[in-house]
C-alpha atoms as a PDB file:
ATOM      1  CA  THR A   1     254.222 -40.143 -91.650  1.00  0.00           C
ATOM      2  CA  ILE A   2     252.890 -38.781 -88.363  1.00  0.00           C
ATOM      3  CA  THR A   3     253.824 -35.205 -87.458  1.00  0.00           C
ATOM      4  CA  SER A   4     253.062 -33.798 -84.028  1.00  0.00           C
ATOM      5  CA  GLN A   5     254.030 -31.138 -81.522  1.00  0.00           C
ATOM      6  CA  LYS A   6     253.117 -32.758 -78.155  1.00  0.00           C
ATOM      7  CA  TYR A   7     251.712 -36.341 -78.274  1.00  0.00           C
ATOM      8  CA  ALA A   8     252.652 -38.699 -81.123  1.00  0.00           C
ATOM      9  CA  GLY A   9     252.164 -42.420 -81.672  1.00  0.00           C
ATOM     10  CA  ALA A  10     251.083 -44.764 -84.481  1.00  0.00           C
ATOM     11  CA  VAL A  11     247.936 -45.819 -82.570  1.00  0.00           C
ATOM     12  CA  ALA A  12     247.352 -42.912 -80.161  1.00  0.00           C
ATOM     13  CA  GLY A  13     249.092 -39.778 -79.004  1.00  0.00           C
ATOM     14  CA  TYR A  14     247.714 -40.250 -75.467  1.00  0.00           C
ATOM     15  CA  SER A  15     245.883 -43.238 -73.963  1.00  0.00           C
ATOM     16  CA  ASN A  16     244.032 -43.916 -70.738  1.00  0.00           C
ATOM     17  CA  GLY A  17     242.250 -46.956 -72.211  1.00  0.00           C
ATOM     18  CA  ASN A  18     243.776 -50.389 -72.785  1.00  0.00           C
ATOM     19  CA  ILE A  19     245.545 -51.138 -76.078  1.00  0.00           C
ATOM     20  CA  ASN A  20     245.886 -54.802 -77.085  1.00  0.00           C
ATOM     21  CA  ASN A  21     247.412 -56.765 -79.968  1.00  0.00           C
ATOM     22  CA  VAL A  22     248.346 -53.926 -82.292  1.00  0.00           C
ATOM     23  CA  ILE A  23     251.017 -53.862 -84.993  1.00  0.00           C
ATOM     24  CA  ALA A  24     252.795 -50.769 -86.325  1.00  0.00           C
ATOM     25  CA  ASN A  25     255.003 -51.332 -89.372  1.00  0.00           C
ATOM     26  CA  ASN A  26     257.412 -48.844 -90.958  1.00  0.00           C
ATOM     27  CA  ASN A  27     255.918 -45.709 -89.417  1.00  0.00           C
ATOM     28  CA  LYS A  28     257.709 -42.367 -89.500  1.00  0.00           C
ATOM     29  CA  ILE A  29     257.045 -40.054 -86.565  1.00  0.00           C
ATOM     30  CA  ASN A  30     258.389 -36.494 -86.670  1.00  0.00           C
ATOM     31  CA  VAL A  31     258.381 -33.796 -84.018  1.00  0.00           C
ATOM     32  CA  GLU A  32     259.359 -30.712 -85.985  1.00  0.00           C
ATOM     33  CA  GLU A  33     258.788 -27.765 -83.682  1.00  0.00           C
ATOM     34  CA  GLU A  34     258.478 -27.013 -80.027  1.00  0.00           C
ATOM     35  CA  THR A  35     255.215 -25.685 -78.697  1.00  0.00           C
ATOM     36  CA  GLU A  36     254.888 -27.508 -75.391  1.00  0.00           C
ATOM     37  CA  LYS A  37     257.084 -28.070 -72.345  1.00  0.00           C
ATOM     38  CA  ASN A  38     256.832 -31.886 -72.512  1.00  0.00           C
ATOM     39  CA  ILE A  39     256.778 -33.915 -75.721  1.00  0.00           C
ATOM     40  CA  TYR A  40     255.723 -37.587 -75.759  1.00  0.00           C
ATOM     41  CA  VAL A  41     256.647 -39.813 -78.719  1.00  0.00           C
ATOM     42  CA  GLY A  42     256.221 -43.583 -79.037  1.00  0.00           C
ATOM     43  CA  GLY A  43     256.000 -46.242 -81.717  1.00  0.00           C
ATOM     44  CA  ILE A  44     252.476 -47.103 -80.458  1.00  0.00           C
ATOM     45  CA  VAL A  45     251.478 -44.303 -78.059  1.00  0.00           C
ATOM     46  CA  GLY A  46     253.114 -41.050 -76.946  1.00  0.00           C
ATOM     47  CA  LYS A  47     251.936 -41.252 -73.313  1.00  0.00           C
ATOM     48  CA  THR A  48     249.998 -44.076 -71.670  1.00  0.00           C
ATOM     49  CA  GLU A  49     248.281 -44.320 -68.319  1.00  0.00           C
ATOM     50  CA  SER A  50     246.678 -47.658 -69.186  1.00  0.00           C
ATOM     51  CA  ASN A  51     247.742 -51.219 -69.944  1.00  0.00           C
ATOM     52  CA  LEU A  52     249.233 -52.208 -73.270  1.00  0.00           C
ATOM     53  CA  ALA A  53     249.736 -55.845 -74.305  1.00  0.00           C
ATOM     54  CA  GLY A  54     250.831 -57.713 -77.411  1.00  0.00           C
ATOM     55  CA  ALA A  55     252.163 -54.713 -79.331  1.00  0.00           C
ATOM     56  CA  LYS A  56     254.631 -55.144 -82.181  1.00  0.00           C
ATOM     57  CA  VAL A  57     256.589 -52.275 -83.715  1.00  0.00           C
ATOM     58  CA  ARG A  58     258.735 -52.874 -86.810  1.00  0.00           C
ATOM     59  CA  GLY A  59     260.856 -50.361 -88.672  1.00  0.00           C
ATOM     60  CA  ALA A  60     259.782 -47.250 -86.753  1.00  0.00           C
ATOM     61  CA  LYS A  61     261.677 -44.052 -87.557  1.00  0.00           C
ATOM     62  CA  ILE A  62     261.325 -41.374 -84.885  1.00  0.00           C
ATOM     63  CA  GLN A  63     262.873 -37.935 -85.420  1.00  0.00           C
ATOM     64  CA  VAL A  64     262.954 -34.895 -83.146  1.00  0.00           C
ATOM     65  CA  THR A  65     264.274 -32.198 -85.470  1.00  0.00           C
ATOM     66  CA  PHE A  66     263.901 -28.892 -83.639  1.00  0.00           C
ATOM     67  CA  GLU A  67     266.628 -27.218 -81.595  1.00  0.00           C
ATOM     68  CA  SER A  68     265.764 -26.306 -78.002  1.00  0.00           C
ATOM     69  CA  LYS A  69     267.051 -26.495 -74.431  1.00  0.00           C
ATOM     70  CA  GLU A  70     263.716 -25.748 -72.756  1.00  0.00           C
ATOM     71  CA  ASN A  71     261.635 -28.878 -73.339  1.00  0.00           C
ATOM     72  CA  THR A  72     261.665 -32.480 -72.135  1.00  0.00           C
ATOM     73  CA  VAL A  73     261.249 -35.279 -74.692  1.00  0.00           C
ATOM     74  CA  PHE A  74     259.952 -38.721 -73.645  1.00  0.00           C
ATOM     75  CA  LEU A  75     260.697 -41.186 -76.475  1.00  0.00           C
ATOM     76  CA  GLY A  76     260.076 -44.943 -76.636  1.00  0.00           C
ATOM     77  CA  GLY A  77     259.719 -47.769 -79.118  1.00  0.00           C
ATOM     78  CA  ILE A  78     256.291 -48.572 -77.623  1.00  0.00           C
ATOM     79  CA  ALA A  79     255.499 -45.558 -75.366  1.00  0.00           C
ATOM     80  CA  GLY A  80     257.276 -42.285 -74.681  1.00  0.00           C
ATOM     81  CA  LEU A  81     256.024 -42.202 -71.063  1.00  0.00           C
ATOM     82  CA  THR A  82     254.365 -45.053 -69.160  1.00  0.00           C
ATOM     83  CA  GLN A  83     252.659 -43.996 -65.922  1.00  0.00           C
ATOM     84  CA  ASN A  84     250.764 -46.259 -63.476  1.00  0.00           C
ATOM     85  CA  ALA A  85     250.313 -48.848 -66.221  1.00  0.00           C
ATOM     86  CA  LYS A  86     251.702 -52.112 -67.566  1.00  0.00           C
ATOM     87  CA  ILE A  87     253.326 -52.930 -70.907  1.00  0.00           C
ATOM     88  CA  GLU A  88     253.649 -56.662 -71.483  1.00  0.00           C
ATOM     89  CA  ASN A  89     254.379 -59.228 -74.178  1.00  0.00           C
ATOM     90  CA  SER A  90     255.447 -56.512 -76.603  1.00  0.00           C
ATOM     91  CA  GLU A  91     258.338 -56.287 -79.070  1.00  0.00           C
ATOM     92  CA  VAL A  92     260.211 -53.619 -80.992  1.00  0.00           C
ATOM     93  CA  PHE A  93     262.296 -54.498 -84.078  1.00  0.00           C
ATOM     94  CA  ASP A  94     264.570 -52.238 -86.124  1.00  0.00           C
ATOM     95  CA  ILE A  95     263.799 -48.935 -84.432  1.00  0.00           C
ATOM     96  CA  SER A  96     265.627 -45.783 -85.460  1.00  0.00           C
ATOM     97  CA  ALA A  97     265.269 -42.779 -83.146  1.00  0.00           C
ATOM     98  CA  ASN A  98     267.235 -39.554 -83.433  1.00  0.00           C
ATOM     99  CA  THR A  99     267.250 -36.327 -81.419  1.00  0.00           C
ATOM    100  CA  SER A 100     270.765 -35.254 -82.392  1.00  0.00           C
ATOM    101  CA  LYS A 101     269.919 -31.523 -82.769  1.00  0.00           C
ATOM    102  CA  TYR A 102     267.837 -31.344 -79.599  1.00  0.00           C
ATOM    103  CA  GLU A 103     269.622 -30.050 -76.474  1.00  0.00           C
ATOM    104  CA  GLY A 104     266.921 -30.325 -73.787  1.00  0.00           C
ATOM    105  CA  ARG A 105     266.344 -33.207 -71.371  1.00  0.00           C
ATOM    106  CA  THR A 106     265.567 -36.488 -73.146  1.00  0.00           C
ATOM    107  CA  TYR A 107     264.493 -39.862 -71.756  1.00  0.00           C
ATOM    108  CA  ALA A 108     264.571 -42.638 -74.370  1.00  0.00           C
ATOM    109  CA  GLY A 109     264.094 -46.387 -74.235  1.00  0.00           C
ATOM    110  CA  GLY A 110     263.556 -49.275 -76.600  1.00  0.00           C
ATOM    111  CA  ILE A 111     260.191 -49.968 -74.926  1.00  0.00           C
ATOM    112  CA  SER A 112     259.502 -46.790 -72.890  1.00  0.00           C
ATOM    113  CA  GLY A 113     261.506 -43.616 -72.371  1.00  0.00           C
ATOM    114  CA  TYR A 114     260.237 -42.948 -68.838  1.00  0.00           C
ATOM    115  CA  VAL A 115     258.497 -45.452 -66.557  1.00  0.00           C
ATOM    116  CA  ILE A 116     256.864 -44.222 -63.350  1.00  0.00           C
ATOM    117  CA  GLY A 117     254.807 -46.493 -61.082  1.00  0.00           C
ATOM    118  CA  ALA A 118     254.525 -48.956 -63.957  1.00  0.00           C
ATOM    119  CA  SER A 119     255.680 -52.411 -65.085  1.00  0.00           C
ATOM    120  CA  ILE A 120     257.379 -53.637 -68.242  1.00  0.00           C
ATOM    121  CA  LEU A 121     257.014 -57.420 -68.425  1.00  0.00           C
ATOM    122  CA  SER A 122     258.174 -59.978 -71.019  1.00  0.00           C
ATOM    123  CA  CYS A 123     259.194 -57.419 -73.646  1.00  0.00           C
ATOM    124  CA  GLY A 124     262.071 -57.266 -76.099  1.00  0.00           C
ATOM    125  CA  VAL A 125     263.986 -54.935 -78.370  1.00  0.00           C
ATOM    126  CA  SER A 126     266.111 -56.315 -81.208  1.00  0.00           C
ATOM    127  CA  SER A 127     266.952 -56.229 -84.889  1.00  0.00           C
ATOM    128  CA  GLU A 128     265.689 -58.372 -87.732  1.00  0.00           C
ATOM    129  CA  SER A 129     267.382 -56.781 -90.729  1.00  0.00           C
ATOM    130  CA  SER A 130     269.500 -53.844 -89.586  1.00  0.00           C
ATOM    131  CA  THR A 131     270.856 -52.685 -86.264  1.00  0.00           C
ATOM    132  CA  SER A 132     268.326 -50.825 -84.138  1.00  0.00           C
ATOM    133  CA  ARG A 133     269.645 -47.393 -83.176  1.00  0.00           C
ATOM    134  CA  ILE A 134     268.604 -44.873 -80.556  1.00  0.00           C
ATOM    135  CA  THR A 135     270.748 -41.769 -81.003  1.00  0.00           C
ATOM    136  CA  LEU A 136     270.475 -38.790 -78.663  1.00  0.00           C
ATOM    137  CA  ASN A 137     272.642 -35.684 -78.758  1.00  0.00           C
ATOM    138  CA  PRO A 138     275.873 -37.073 -77.219  1.00  0.00           C
ATOM    139  CA  ASN A 139     276.954 -33.623 -76.029  1.00  0.00           C
ATOM    140  CA  ASN A 140     273.743 -33.251 -74.032  1.00  0.00           C
ATOM    141  CA  SER A 141     274.380 -34.272 -70.408  1.00  0.00           C
ATOM    142  CA  SER A 142     270.589 -34.378 -69.893  1.00  0.00           C
ATOM    143  CA  SER A 143     270.137 -37.324 -72.296  1.00  0.00           C
ATOM    144  CA  ILE A 144     269.367 -40.731 -70.775  1.00  0.00           C
ATOM    145  CA  VAL A 145     268.778 -43.875 -72.862  1.00  0.00           C
ATOM    146  CA  GLY A 146     268.217 -47.545 -72.013  1.00  0.00           C
ATOM    147  CA  GLY A 147     267.615 -50.626 -74.135  1.00  0.00           C
ATOM    148  CA  ILE A 148     264.270 -51.245 -72.388  1.00  0.00           C
ATOM    149  CA  ALA A 149     263.661 -48.055 -70.341  1.00  0.00           C
ATOM    150  CA  GLY A 150     265.503 -44.757 -70.229  1.00  0.00           C
ATOM    151  CA  PHE A 151     264.419 -43.996 -66.654  1.00  0.00           C
ATOM    152  CA  LEU A 152     262.613 -46.194 -64.108  1.00  0.00           C
ATOM    153  CA  LYS A 153     260.944 -44.759 -60.984  1.00  0.00           C
ATOM    154  CA  ASP A 154     258.794 -46.813 -58.603  1.00  0.00           C
ATOM    155  CA  GLY A 155     258.291 -49.503 -61.226  1.00  0.00           C
ATOM    156  CA  GLU A 156     259.665 -52.812 -62.443  1.00  0.00           C
ATOM    157  CA  VAL A 157     261.200 -54.460 -65.489  1.00  0.00           C
ATOM    158  CA  LYS A 158     260.992 -58.283 -65.595  1.00  0.00           C
ATOM    159  CA  ARG A 159     261.694 -60.999 -68.189  1.00  0.00           C
ATOM    160  CA  CYS A 160     262.860 -58.533 -70.864  1.00  0.00           C
ATOM    161  CA  ALA A 161     265.664 -58.819 -73.412  1.00  0.00           C
ATOM    162  CA  VAL A 162     267.707 -56.494 -75.618  1.00  0.00           C
ATOM    163  CA  GLY A 163     269.688 -57.679 -78.644  1.00  0.00           C
ATOM    164  CA  GLU A 164     271.654 -55.858 -81.349  1.00  0.00           C
ATOM    165  CA  VAL A 165     270.665 -52.348 -80.295  1.00  0.00           C
ATOM    166  CA  GLU A 166     273.058 -49.417 -80.612  1.00  0.00           C
ATOM    167  CA  LEU A 167     272.565 -46.768 -77.915  1.00  0.00           C
ATOM    168  CA  ASN A 168     274.263 -43.383 -78.376  1.00  0.00           C
ATOM    169  CA  SER A 169     273.891 -40.851 -75.583  1.00  0.00           C
ATOM    170  CA  HIS A 170     275.654 -39.069 -72.744  1.00  0.00           C
ATOM    171  CA  SER A 171     274.237 -41.717 -70.346  1.00  0.00           C
ATOM    172  CA  SER A 172     273.174 -45.140 -71.667  1.00  0.00           C
ATOM    173  CA  ALA A 173     272.685 -48.700 -70.424  1.00  0.00           C
ATOM    174  CA  GLY A 174     271.632 -52.037 -71.872  1.00  0.00           C
ATOM    175  CA  ILE A 175     268.365 -52.493 -69.933  1.00  0.00           C
ATOM    176  CA  VAL A 176     267.644 -49.399 -67.758  1.00  0.00           C
ATOM    177  CA  SER A 177     269.836 -46.309 -67.666  1.00  0.00           C
END
């Protein structure tokens, strides 16, 4: 179990160096209290400003359990926020993410919650044993979730697939919300 207040990931909370060919199995990541304005949570890395290739995440359980309206949460199966970087040839299986008590702005995606000036190439999100679920507070009009990326700005998503993923949010879409 990984518990954090700002940056959380199975490999790194924050990265500006390349990450290649890593596997994260059955990790639990909890954000239990608010101490920072922005919170970055990912199955591999909370926030990345570098390239990531060949990552595999299986059975990740991500929970944001505090109640607040003041923060922004960036949540992803691979990376919470991807900035000026590339995620490629990576897969997420059987992810469970929940922010149902949280009332602040949330960006969530099966691969990355927020993508700015970055690329997501040849990636996938699916289920092997149980349905993958990304559940955000449905009464929160500031919640955005996508099967691959929650929000995409000045970036690209190519050759990606989503299968058997349940998205629950005020605003959700199969690939990019």
